Amino acid sequence: MVQKYTKIIEQFCQAKSVQIPSGFYRRAASQFAVINFKTSPPKLVAKTWFKKEDLAYYLTHSEESEFLKAYDFKEQCELVLLEGTRFQRGNVL
């Protein structure tokens, strides 16, 4: 199943012209991923997350949080952080 997320995220990034850092391949990919839109082209954050709480922590503590978008590759949708660790489903991928 781990390889499944790696492939899905990789295909999504290639289709959207999102840069994939080499560090992404160093760990097993999980269901939640983040893309940084501050750079051009946008860049995938090398780390992925298994728990929404950990994802929320990263999003709220990142210096570039206003440029970050979170994605759920199991549910195939964008995630919008509301408050604390609560997310709302966004656009379908």
Protein backbone atom coordinates (compact mmCIF):
# COMPACT_ATOMS: atom_id res chain seq x y z
CA MET A 1 0.00 0.00 0.00
CA VAL A 2 2.92 2.34 0.68
CA GLN A 3 4.09 2.08 -2.92
CA LYS A 4 0.54 2.91 -3.94
CA TYR A 5 0.74 6.40 -2.41
CA THR A 6 4.17 7.02 -3.88
CA LYS A 7 2.87 6.26 -7.36
CA ILE A 8 -0.37 8.23 -6.93
CA ILE A 9 1.44 11.32 -5.60
CA GLU A 10 4.11 11.04 -8.28
CA GLN A 11 1.50 10.83 -11.08
CA PHE A 12 -0.45 13.76 -9.62
CA CYS A 13 2.68 15.91 -9.44
CA GLN A 14 3.72 15.06 -12.98
CA ALA A 15 0.25 15.90 -14.32
CA LYS A 16 0.23 19.26 -12.48
CA SER A 17 3.89 20.14 -13.22
CA VAL A 18 4.81 20.01 -9.54
CA GLN A 19 8.49 19.48 -8.77
CA ILE A 20 9.25 16.34 -6.74
CA PRO A 21 12.30 16.64 -4.44
CA SER A 22 14.69 13.70 -4.24
CA GLY A 23 13.97 13.43 -0.50
CA PHE A 24 10.44 12.28 -1.30
CA TYR A 25 11.79 8.88 -2.35
CA ARG A 26 13.77 8.36 0.87
CA ARG A 27 10.71 7.44 2.94
CA ALA A 28 7.56 5.47 2.41
CA ALA A 29 4.77 7.82 1.29
CA SER A 30 1.61 8.21 3.37
CA GLN A 31 -1.84 9.43 2.45
CA PHE A 32 -1.42 13.16 3.24
CA ALA A 33 0.93 15.36 1.24
CA VAL A 34 1.65 19.09 0.97
CA ILE A 35 2.61 21.23 -2.01
CA ASN A 36 4.36 24.58 -1.62
CA PHE A 37 3.07 27.11 -4.15
CA LYS A 38 5.57 29.83 -3.19
CA THR A 39 8.08 28.46 -5.68
CA SER A 40 7.72 28.29 -9.43
CA PRO A 41 7.12 25.56 -10.37
CA PRO A 42 5.30 24.48 -7.20
CA LYS A 43 7.22 21.95 -5.13
CA LEU A 44 6.06 18.88 -3.23
CA VAL A 45 7.14 18.79 0.41
CA ALA A 46 9.35 15.69 0.73
CA LYS A 47 7.63 14.45 3.90
CA THR A 48 4.14 12.93 3.88
CA TRP A 49 1.88 12.26 6.86
CA PHE A 50 -0.25 9.39 8.12
CA LYS A 51 -2.21 11.34 10.77
CA LYS A 52 -4.20 14.53 10.26
CA GLU A 53 -2.97 15.86 13.60
CA ASP A 54 0.64 15.74 12.41
CA LEU A 55 -0.33 17.36 9.12
CA ALA A 56 -2.17 20.15 10.96
CA TYR A 57 0.87 20.75 13.18
CA TYR A 58 3.11 21.10 10.13
CA LEU A 59 0.71 23.49 8.41
CA THR A 60 0.27 25.71 11.46
CA HIS A 61 3.97 25.85 12.35
CA SER A 62 5.45 26.36 8.89
CA GLU A 63 6.81 29.83 8.08
CA GLU A 64 5.31 29.50 4.59
CA SER A 65 1.88 28.24 5.66
CA GLU A 66 -0.02 30.71 3.44
CA PHE A 67 1.60 29.11 0.36
CA LEU A 68 0.90 25.50 1.34
CA LYS A 69 -1.93 23.26 0.17
CA ALA A 70 -2.66 19.88 1.74
CA TYR A 71 -3.98 16.87 -0.15
CA ASP A 72 -5.54 13.58 0.90
CA PHE A 73 -4.55 10.98 -1.66
CA LYS A 74 -6.74 8.26 -0.12
CA GLU A 75 -9.93 10.32 -0.43
CA GLN A 76 -8.61 12.08 -3.56
CA CYS A 77 -9.30 15.65 -2.42
CA GLU A 78 -7.70 18.86 -1.24
CA LEU A 79 -7.86 19.50 2.52
CA VAL A 80 -8.58 22.90 4.02
CA LEU A 81 -7.45 23.46 7.61
CA LEU A 82 -10.23 25.14 9.59
CA GLU A 83 -9.02 25.47 13.18
CA GLY A 84 -6.87 23.35 15.41
CA THR A 85 -6.74 19.95 13.75
CA ARG A 86 -10.09 20.16 11.93
CA PHE A 87 -10.10 19.86 8.17
CA GLN A 88 -12.75 20.39 5.55
CA ARG A 89 -12.75 18.53 2.25
CA GLY A 90 -11.88 20.82 -0.61
CA ASN A 91 -11.74 20.33 -4.35
CA VAL A 92 -11.62 16.82 -5.76
CA LEU A 93 -8.30 15.90 -7.37
